[in-house]
Amino acid sequence: MKRERFDELEAALTELRRQVDAVRAEGPLADIKAVRNFEAGSRVAARLELSTGRWLRGTDAGVDVMGDGSLIAFAGGMRRRELEAEGEAVYDAMREHLADG
C-alpha cells in the first residue's frame, strides 16, 4: 500500500489516472478455477482511493480496476456505493463527489 499527499484535487486525480493506466498496461488477469470459477472481469486487479484526509466526516472516493481492464468508481470508505459512471467518466464522478464532500 502506498500513500501520497496532494494539495490540489486535480493533482491527486492526475496521479490516480496515471496509476490506473499503469495497472491496465499490465494486461488482463487470468480466469481462476478453484471451488468456483472467477472470470477476470469479476476480479479486482487494483483498488485506488482518494480521501480528503479529514479524520471525521472526510470524503472518500475511488476506482476499482477490474481484471478485464474495466473501471468501477465508488464513493465512501468502509461503506462503499458504486458511482454511476463508465470509462473515462469515472474520474468526473469521483471529482464531483470529492468536491461536494
N, C-alpha and C. Protein backbone atom coordinates (compact mmCIF):
# COMPACT_ATOMS: atom_id res chain seq x y z
N MET A 1 0.85 -1.17 0.00
CA MET A 1 0.00 0.00 0.00
C MET A 1 0.89 1.23 0.00
N LYS A 2 0.52 2.20 -0.79
CA LYS A 2 1.29 3.42 -0.92
C LYS A 2 0.38 4.61 -0.68
N ARG A 3 0.84 5.57 0.12
CA ARG A 3 0.07 6.78 0.39
C ARG A 3 0.85 7.98 -0.08
N GLU A 4 0.13 8.91 -0.68
CA GLU A 4 0.72 10.17 -1.11
C GLU A 4 -0.21 11.30 -0.71
N ARG A 5 0.35 12.49 -0.53
CA ARG A 5 -0.44 13.68 -0.20
C ARG A 5 -0.36 14.66 -1.36
N PHE A 6 -1.49 15.30 -1.62
CA PHE A 6 -1.57 16.31 -2.67
C PHE A 6 -2.31 17.52 -2.13
N ASP A 7 -1.88 18.70 -2.54
CA ASP A 7 -2.53 19.93 -2.11
C ASP A 7 -3.78 20.23 -2.93
N GLU A 8 -3.85 19.71 -4.14
CA GLU A 8 -4.96 20.00 -5.04
C GLU A 8 -5.62 18.71 -5.51
N LEU A 9 -6.95 18.74 -5.63
CA LEU A 9 -7.71 17.59 -6.09
C LEU A 9 -7.28 17.17 -7.49
N GLU A 10 -7.05 18.13 -8.38
CA GLU A 10 -6.68 17.80 -9.75
C GLU A 10 -5.35 17.05 -9.81
N ALA A 11 -4.40 17.42 -8.97
CA ALA A 11 -3.12 16.73 -8.93
C ALA A 11 -3.31 15.28 -8.46
N ALA A 12 -4.17 15.09 -7.47
CA ALA A 12 -4.44 13.74 -6.97
C ALA A 12 -5.13 12.90 -8.04
N LEU A 13 -6.09 13.47 -8.76
CA LEU A 13 -6.78 12.74 -9.82
C LEU A 13 -5.84 12.41 -10.97
N THR A 14 -4.93 13.31 -11.28
CA THR A 14 -3.95 13.05 -12.35
C THR A 14 -3.07 11.86 -11.98
N GLU A 15 -2.60 11.81 -10.74
CA GLU A 15 -1.77 10.70 -10.29
C GLU A 15 -2.58 9.41 -10.24
N LEU A 16 -3.82 9.47 -9.78
CA LEU A 16 -4.67 8.29 -9.75
C LEU A 16 -4.85 7.75 -11.17
N ARG A 17 -5.11 8.62 -12.13
CA ARG A 17 -5.29 8.21 -13.52
C ARG A 17 -4.00 7.55 -14.04
N ARG A 18 -2.83 8.10 -13.69
CA ARG A 18 -1.55 7.53 -14.11
C ARG A 18 -1.40 6.12 -13.56
N GLN A 19 -1.79 5.93 -12.30
CA GLN A 19 -1.67 4.61 -11.69
C GLN A 19 -2.66 3.62 -12.30
N VAL A 20 -3.87 4.08 -12.60
CA VAL A 20 -4.85 3.22 -13.28
C VAL A 20 -4.29 2.77 -14.63
N ASP A 21 -3.73 3.70 -15.39
CA ASP A 21 -3.16 3.37 -16.69
C ASP A 21 -2.04 2.34 -16.55
N ALA A 22 -1.22 2.46 -15.51
CA ALA A 22 -0.13 1.51 -15.28
C ALA A 22 -0.67 0.11 -14.99
N VAL A 23 -1.72 0.03 -14.19
CA VAL A 23 -2.32 -1.28 -13.89
C VAL A 23 -2.91 -1.88 -15.16
N ARG A 24 -3.63 -1.06 -15.93
CA ARG A 24 -4.24 -1.56 -17.17
C ARG A 24 -3.17 -2.02 -18.16
N ALA A 25 -2.03 -1.35 -18.19
CA ALA A 25 -0.96 -1.70 -19.13
C ALA A 25 -0.36 -3.07 -18.83
N GLU A 26 -0.52 -3.56 -17.62
CA GLU A 26 -0.02 -4.89 -17.26
C GLU A 26 -0.81 -6.00 -17.94
N GLY A 27 -1.96 -5.66 -18.49
CA GLY A 27 -2.78 -6.65 -19.19
C GLY A 27 -3.82 -7.26 -18.28
N PRO A 28 -4.72 -8.05 -18.85
CA PRO A 28 -5.80 -8.64 -18.07
C PRO A 28 -5.32 -9.73 -17.12
N LEU A 29 -6.10 -9.92 -16.07
CA LEU A 29 -5.85 -11.04 -15.16
C LEU A 29 -6.39 -12.32 -15.78
N ALA A 30 -5.84 -13.43 -15.41
CA ALA A 30 -6.32 -14.71 -15.90
C ALA A 30 -7.56 -15.12 -15.11
N ASP A 31 -8.40 -15.93 -15.75
CA ASP A 31 -9.51 -16.52 -15.03
C ASP A 31 -8.94 -17.52 -14.03
N ILE A 32 -9.63 -17.70 -12.90
CA ILE A 32 -9.20 -18.65 -11.88
C ILE A 32 -10.28 -19.73 -11.75
N LYS A 33 -9.84 -20.97 -11.71
CA LYS A 33 -10.75 -22.09 -11.49
C LYS A 33 -10.34 -22.75 -10.19
N ALA A 34 -11.19 -22.62 -9.19
CA ALA A 34 -10.95 -23.24 -7.89
C ALA A 34 -12.23 -23.96 -7.52
N VAL A 35 -12.74 -23.70 -6.34
CA VAL A 35 -14.03 -24.27 -5.94
C VAL A 35 -15.12 -23.77 -6.88
N ARG A 36 -14.94 -22.54 -7.34
CA ARG A 36 -15.83 -21.99 -8.37
C ARG A 36 -14.96 -21.21 -9.34
N ASN A 37 -15.52 -20.80 -10.44
CA ASN A 37 -14.75 -20.06 -11.44
C ASN A 37 -14.85 -18.56 -11.19
N PHE A 38 -13.72 -17.88 -11.31
CA PHE A 38 -13.65 -16.43 -11.18
C PHE A 38 -13.13 -15.87 -12.49
N GLU A 39 -13.99 -15.23 -13.26
CA GLU A 39 -13.57 -14.64 -14.52
C GLU A 39 -12.81 -13.34 -14.24
N ALA A 40 -11.96 -12.97 -15.17
CA ALA A 40 -11.13 -11.77 -15.00
C ALA A 40 -11.96 -10.54 -14.68
N GLY A 41 -13.10 -10.38 -15.30
CA GLY A 41 -13.96 -9.21 -15.08
C GLY A 41 -14.56 -9.14 -13.69
N SER A 42 -14.54 -10.23 -12.96
CA SER A 42 -15.07 -10.23 -11.60
C SER A 42 -13.97 -10.11 -10.55
N ARG A 43 -12.70 -10.07 -11.00
CA ARG A 43 -11.56 -9.95 -10.09
C ARG A 43 -11.07 -8.51 -10.08
N VAL A 44 -10.69 -8.01 -8.91
CA VAL A 44 -10.16 -6.66 -8.77
C VAL A 44 -8.64 -6.72 -8.90
N ALA A 45 -8.11 -6.05 -9.93
CA ALA A 45 -6.66 -6.00 -10.14
C ALA A 45 -6.03 -4.96 -9.21
N ALA A 46 -6.73 -3.85 -8.99
CA ALA A 46 -6.23 -2.80 -8.10
C ALA A 46 -7.38 -1.95 -7.61
N ARG A 47 -7.26 -1.46 -6.40
CA ARG A 47 -8.23 -0.52 -5.82
C ARG A 47 -7.45 0.73 -5.46
N LEU A 48 -7.84 1.85 -6.05
CA LEU A 48 -7.17 3.12 -5.81
C LEU A 48 -8.18 4.07 -5.19
N GLU A 49 -7.79 4.73 -4.11
CA GLU A 49 -8.71 5.59 -3.37
C GLU A 49 -8.12 6.97 -3.15
N LEU A 50 -9.02 7.95 -3.11
CA LEU A 50 -8.67 9.31 -2.73
C LEU A 50 -9.51 9.68 -1.52
N SER A 51 -8.91 10.45 -0.62
CA SER A 51 -9.60 10.87 0.59
C SER A 51 -9.27 12.33 0.85
N THR A 52 -10.25 13.05 1.40
CA THR A 52 -10.00 14.44 1.78
C THR A 52 -9.10 14.50 3.00
N GLY A 53 -8.92 13.35 3.67
CA GLY A 53 -7.97 13.27 4.76
C GLY A 53 -8.48 13.73 6.11
N ARG A 54 -9.69 14.22 6.17
CA ARG A 54 -10.22 14.62 7.48
C ARG A 54 -10.58 13.38 8.28
N TRP A 55 -10.24 13.42 9.57
CA TRP A 55 -10.47 12.26 10.41
C TRP A 55 -11.96 11.97 10.57
N LEU A 56 -12.74 12.95 10.89
CA LEU A 56 -14.19 12.79 10.99
C LEU A 56 -14.83 13.52 9.82
N ARG A 57 -15.80 12.89 9.25
CA ARG A 57 -16.54 13.48 8.13
C ARG A 57 -15.70 13.71 6.89
N GLY A 58 -14.67 12.94 6.71
CA GLY A 58 -13.88 13.00 5.49
C GLY A 58 -14.68 12.44 4.33
N THR A 59 -14.26 12.76 3.13
CA THR A 59 -14.93 12.26 1.94
C THR A 59 -13.95 11.36 1.19
N ASP A 60 -14.42 10.19 0.82
CA ASP A 60 -13.59 9.22 0.12
C ASP A 60 -14.25 8.84 -1.20
N ALA A 61 -13.43 8.57 -2.19
CA ALA A 61 -13.89 8.04 -3.47
C ALA A 61 -12.74 7.26 -4.07
N GLY A 62 -13.06 6.37 -4.99
CA GLY A 62 -12.01 5.58 -5.59
C GLY A 62 -12.48 4.87 -6.83
N VAL A 63 -11.58 4.03 -7.33
CA VAL A 63 -11.89 3.26 -8.53
C VAL A 63 -11.29 1.87 -8.38
N ASP A 64 -12.07 0.87 -8.74
CA ASP A 64 -11.58 -0.50 -8.83
C ASP A 64 -11.22 -0.75 -10.29
N VAL A 65 -9.99 -1.18 -10.52
CA VAL A 65 -9.57 -1.61 -11.85
C VAL A 65 -9.81 -3.11 -11.88
N MET A 66 -10.76 -3.52 -12.70
CA MET A 66 -11.11 -4.93 -12.74
C MET A 66 -10.13 -5.71 -13.60
N GLY A 67 -10.11 -7.00 -13.46
CA GLY A 67 -9.17 -7.86 -14.15
C GLY A 67 -9.26 -7.80 -15.66
N ASP A 68 -10.39 -7.36 -16.19
CA ASP A 68 -10.54 -7.22 -17.65
C ASP A 68 -10.24 -5.79 -18.12
N GLY A 69 -9.79 -4.92 -17.18
CA GLY A 69 -9.46 -3.54 -17.53
C GLY A 69 -10.58 -2.56 -17.35
N SER A 70 -11.78 -3.03 -17.05
CA SER A 70 -12.90 -2.11 -16.84
C SER A 70 -12.73 -1.39 -15.50
N LEU A 71 -13.41 -0.26 -15.36
CA LEU A 71 -13.29 0.58 -14.17
C LEU A 71 -14.64 0.69 -13.49
N ILE A 72 -14.63 0.64 -12.16
CA ILE A 72 -15.83 0.85 -11.36
C ILE A 72 -15.51 1.91 -10.31
N ALA A 73 -16.17 3.06 -10.44
CA ALA A 73 -15.96 4.15 -9.48
C ALA A 73 -16.85 3.93 -8.26
N PHE A 74 -16.35 4.33 -7.10
CA PHE A 74 -17.16 4.20 -5.88
C PHE A 74 -16.95 5.40 -4.98
N ALA A 75 -17.91 5.61 -4.12
CA ALA A 75 -17.85 6.65 -3.10
C ALA A 75 -17.87 5.98 -1.76
N GLY A 76 -17.19 6.57 -0.79
CA GLY A 76 -17.18 6.05 0.56
C GLY A 76 -15.97 5.19 0.82
N GLY A 77 -15.70 5.00 2.08
CA GLY A 77 -14.58 4.18 2.50
C GLY A 77 -15.07 2.81 2.94
N MET A 78 -15.50 2.72 4.19
CA MET A 78 -16.00 1.45 4.71
C MET A 78 -17.33 1.06 4.07
N ARG A 79 -18.17 2.04 3.87
CA ARG A 79 -19.48 1.80 3.25
C ARG A 79 -19.44 2.33 1.82
N ARG A 80 -19.04 1.49 0.92
CA ARG A 80 -18.90 1.90 -0.47
C ARG A 80 -20.23 1.84 -1.19
N ARG A 81 -20.39 2.78 -2.11
CA ARG A 81 -21.51 2.70 -3.04
C ARG A 81 -20.98 3.03 -4.42
N GLU A 82 -21.45 2.30 -5.40
CA GLU A 82 -20.96 2.49 -6.75
C GLU A 82 -21.46 3.81 -7.31
N LEU A 83 -20.58 4.53 -7.97
CA LEU A 83 -20.95 5.77 -8.65
C LEU A 83 -21.35 5.41 -10.08
N GLU A 84 -22.42 6.02 -10.55
CA GLU A 84 -22.91 5.74 -11.89
C GLU A 84 -22.01 6.41 -12.92
N ALA A 85 -21.03 5.67 -13.42
CA ALA A 85 -20.11 6.19 -14.42
C ALA A 85 -19.40 5.03 -15.09
N GLU A 86 -19.06 5.22 -16.36
CA GLU A 86 -18.32 4.21 -17.09
C GLU A 86 -17.15 4.85 -17.82
N GLY A 87 -16.14 4.05 -18.11
CA GLY A 87 -15.00 4.53 -18.87
C GLY A 87 -14.33 5.74 -18.22
N GLU A 88 -14.00 6.72 -19.03
CA GLU A 88 -13.30 7.91 -18.54
C GLU A 88 -14.18 8.76 -17.62
N ALA A 89 -15.49 8.56 -17.64
CA ALA A 89 -16.40 9.34 -16.79
C ALA A 89 -16.22 9.02 -15.31
N VAL A 90 -15.52 7.92 -14.98
CA VAL A 90 -15.31 7.59 -13.57
C VAL A 90 -14.54 8.71 -12.87
N TYR A 91 -13.61 9.35 -13.58
CA TYR A 91 -12.81 10.42 -12.98
C TYR A 91 -13.67 11.66 -12.70
N ASP A 92 -14.59 11.95 -13.60
CA ASP A 92 -15.51 13.07 -13.38
C ASP A 92 -16.43 12.81 -12.21
N ALA A 93 -16.91 11.56 -12.10
CA ALA A 93 -17.78 11.20 -10.98
C ALA A 93 -17.05 11.31 -9.66
N MET A 94 -15.79 10.88 -9.63
CA MET A 94 -15.01 11.00 -8.40
C MET A 94 -14.75 12.46 -8.06
N ARG A 95 -14.38 13.25 -9.09
CA ARG A 95 -14.12 14.68 -8.88
C ARG A 95 -15.35 15.36 -8.28
N GLU A 96 -16.51 15.08 -8.84
CA GLU A 96 -17.76 15.69 -8.35
C GLU A 96 -18.04 15.28 -6.91
N HIS A 97 -17.90 13.99 -6.62
CA HIS A 97 -18.17 13.51 -5.26
C HIS A 97 -17.22 14.15 -4.24
N LEU A 98 -15.94 14.18 -4.56
CA LEU A 98 -14.96 14.73 -3.63
C LEU A 98 -15.10 16.24 -3.46
N ALA A 99 -15.44 16.93 -4.54
CA ALA A 99 -15.60 18.40 -4.46
C ALA A 99 -16.84 18.78 -3.64
N ASP A 100 -17.88 17.93 -3.72
CA ASP A 100 -19.12 18.20 -2.97
C ASP A 100 -18.98 17.83 -1.50
N GLY A 101 -17.99 16.94 -1.21
CA GLY A 101 -17.81 16.37 0.12
C GLY A 101 -17.68 17.37 1.19
